[in-house]
Amino acid sequence: MLSSSCKYGIRALIYLASQPGDKGKTGIKQISRDLDLPTPFLAKILQQLVRQKILTSMKGPHGGFSLQQDPSKISLLDIVKTIDGDGLFANCIIHNSTCRCVDRDKDPCPVHDGYAGLREELIKIFGTTMVSDLVKKAGSTRKISI
């Protein structure tokens, strides 16, 4: 359902949100090592989040990444749309186009009726689940295994 990029981005945001406030920025190598993720791939994902003003980054020996927004204001929906786009919430699961529930001129696919309710539920869950909620549930940075 979610791409590896999106899962890695969620894990990285939980990790960064769980860092002590006085720590400042966390380097990409540290994040990559602690989460056991490939550094170059993770760097590209985090840059997407920087472009959307979810994260901030600073280059240099004391640089790294940190949250630009309060973790209680960053929803899973924000992250998924930033990294994977809104295809999960807008596209038909059979055809490569917009679903009828988004575009009323389209004919429904054979699974449209069953998936429409799930889509609405996903939007609700992802829209109301905040990074701060995930930090609380994770308990520690070592338990982030999405």
Protein backbone atom coordinates (compact mmCIF):
# COMPACT_ATOMS: atom_id res chain seq x y z
CA MET A 1 0.00 0.00 0.00
CA LEU A 2 2.73 2.49 0.94
CA SER A 3 6.03 2.63 -0.91
CA SER A 4 9.30 1.88 0.84
CA SER A 5 10.16 5.56 0.43
CA CYS A 6 7.04 6.55 2.33
CA LYS A 7 7.63 4.02 5.10
CA TYR A 8 11.24 5.23 5.47
CA GLY A 9 10.05 8.84 5.58
CA ILE A 10 7.53 8.04 8.32
CA ARG A 11 10.17 6.18 10.32
CA ALA A 12 12.63 9.08 9.96
CA LEU A 13 10.04 11.63 11.09
CA ILE A 14 9.17 9.54 14.14
CA TYR A 15 12.87 9.25 14.90
CA LEU A 16 13.49 13.00 14.55
CA ALA A 17 10.40 13.85 16.60
CA SER A 18 11.63 11.57 19.39
CA GLN A 19 15.01 13.34 19.67
CA PRO A 20 15.52 15.62 22.69
CA GLY A 21 14.63 19.24 21.91
CA ASP A 22 18.08 20.50 22.88
CA LYS A 23 19.86 18.10 20.52
CA GLY A 24 19.43 20.32 17.47
CA LYS A 25 19.95 18.80 14.06
CA THR A 26 20.60 15.11 13.47
CA GLY A 27 22.94 14.08 10.67
CA ILE A 28 21.83 11.82 7.85
CA LYS A 29 24.46 9.20 8.71
CA GLN A 30 23.21 9.02 12.30
CA ILE A 31 19.57 8.67 11.21
CA SER A 32 20.52 6.08 8.60
CA ARG A 33 22.61 4.07 11.05
CA ASP A 34 20.05 4.15 13.87
CA LEU A 35 17.17 3.15 11.59
CA ASP A 36 19.26 0.76 9.47
CA LEU A 37 18.27 2.51 6.23
CA PRO A 38 20.39 3.19 3.12
CA THR A 39 21.87 6.69 3.42
CA PRO A 40 21.57 7.91 -0.22
CA PHE A 41 17.97 6.72 -0.50
CA LEU A 42 17.02 8.25 2.84
CA ALA A 43 18.69 11.55 1.92
CA LYS A 44 16.45 11.89 -1.16
CA ILE A 45 13.34 11.18 0.89
CA LEU A 46 14.29 13.72 3.57
CA GLN A 47 14.95 16.36 0.90
CA GLN A 48 11.37 15.88 -0.33
CA LEU A 49 10.19 16.61 3.21
CA VAL A 50 12.45 19.68 3.35
CA ARG A 51 10.94 21.02 0.09
CA GLN A 52 7.47 20.68 1.63
CA LYS A 53 8.61 22.50 4.78
CA ILE A 54 8.03 19.52 7.05
CA LEU A 55 11.76 19.26 7.82
CA THR A 56 14.58 21.74 7.86
CA SER A 57 18.15 20.91 6.92
CA MET A 58 21.53 22.51 7.32
CA LYS A 59 24.72 21.52 5.53
CA GLY A 60 28.12 21.33 7.13
CA PRO A 61 29.85 19.56 10.00
CA HIS A 62 27.17 20.60 12.52
CA GLY A 63 24.32 20.26 10.05
CA GLY A 64 21.59 17.73 9.72
CA PHE A 65 17.82 17.47 9.77
CA SER A 66 15.19 18.54 12.26
CA LEU A 67 11.45 19.04 12.26
CA GLN A 68 10.31 22.40 10.95
CA GLN A 69 6.76 21.85 12.20
CA ASP A 70 5.41 20.70 15.52
CA PRO A 71 4.98 16.88 15.37
CA SER A 72 1.40 17.29 16.60
CA LYS A 73 0.65 19.21 13.39
CA ILE A 74 2.17 16.70 10.91
CA SER A 75 -0.30 14.01 9.87
CA LEU A 76 0.38 10.72 8.14
CA LEU A 77 -1.73 12.11 5.31
CA ASP A 78 0.74 15.01 4.90
CA ILE A 79 3.66 12.60 4.73
CA VAL A 80 2.03 10.14 2.33
CA LYS A 81 0.91 12.90 -0.04
CA THR A 82 4.40 14.46 0.05
CA ILE A 83 6.28 11.25 -0.69
CA ASP A 84 3.85 9.00 -2.60
CA GLY A 85 1.39 11.59 -3.89
CA ASP A 86 -2.36 11.26 -3.52
CA GLY A 87 -2.77 8.23 -5.79
CA LEU A 88 -3.71 5.99 -2.88
CA PHE A 89 -6.58 8.36 -2.12
CA ALA A 90 -7.58 9.33 -5.67
CA ASN A 91 -6.74 6.55 -8.13
CA CYS A 92 -8.72 3.47 -8.99
CA ILE A 93 -7.04 0.31 -7.73
CA ILE A 94 -7.58 -1.48 -11.06
CA HIS A 95 -7.26 1.24 -13.71
CA ASN A 96 -4.45 3.77 -14.05
CA SER A 97 -6.71 6.76 -13.69
CA THR A 98 -8.73 8.73 -11.21
CA CYS A 99 -11.41 6.79 -9.38
CA ARG A 100 -15.09 7.54 -9.90
CA CYS A 101 -15.46 8.81 -6.32
CA VAL A 102 -13.04 11.60 -7.30
CA ASP A 103 -14.27 12.10 -10.89
CA ARG A 104 -18.01 11.44 -11.28
CA ASP A 105 -17.70 11.20 -15.10
CA LYS A 106 -15.72 7.94 -14.83
CA ASP A 107 -17.37 4.53 -14.88
CA PRO A 108 -16.81 2.63 -11.64
CA CYS A 109 -14.41 -0.31 -11.68
CA PRO A 110 -15.57 -3.74 -10.41
CA VAL A 111 -14.21 -3.12 -6.89
CA HIS A 112 -15.21 0.54 -6.67
CA ASP A 113 -18.03 0.14 -4.17
CA GLY A 114 -15.94 -1.91 -1.74
CA TYR A 115 -12.87 0.29 -2.02
CA ALA A 116 -14.66 3.65 -1.76
CA GLY A 117 -15.47 3.07 1.91
CA LEU A 118 -11.94 1.89 2.65
CA ARG A 119 -10.52 4.96 0.89
CA GLU A 120 -12.63 7.26 3.06
CA GLU A 121 -11.54 5.40 6.20
CA LEU A 122 -7.86 5.61 5.16
CA ILE A 123 -8.14 9.35 4.61
CA LYS A 124 -9.75 9.72 8.03
CA ILE A 125 -7.15 7.58 9.82
CA PHE A 126 -4.15 9.10 8.02
CA GLY A 127 -5.52 12.63 8.45
CA THR A 128 -6.05 12.29 12.19
CA THR A 129 -2.89 10.32 13.05
CA MET A 130 -0.10 12.75 13.90
CA VAL A 131 3.63 12.13 14.14
CA SER A 132 3.43 12.94 17.85
CA ASP A 133 0.89 10.09 18.25
CA LEU A 134 3.30 7.70 16.56
CA VAL A 135 6.18 8.82 18.78
CA LYS A 136 4.11 8.04 21.86
CA LYS A 137 3.15 4.63 20.50
CA ALA A 138 6.71 3.78 19.43
CA GLY A 139 7.99 4.47 22.95
CA SER A 140 11.60 4.69 21.82
CA THR A 141 13.60 5.16 18.64
CA ARG A 142 14.64 1.49 18.72
CA LYS A 143 11.03 0.35 18.23
CA ILE A 144 10.46 2.16 14.93
CA SER A 145 9.93 -0.75 12.57
CA ILE A 146 7.17 0.24 10.19
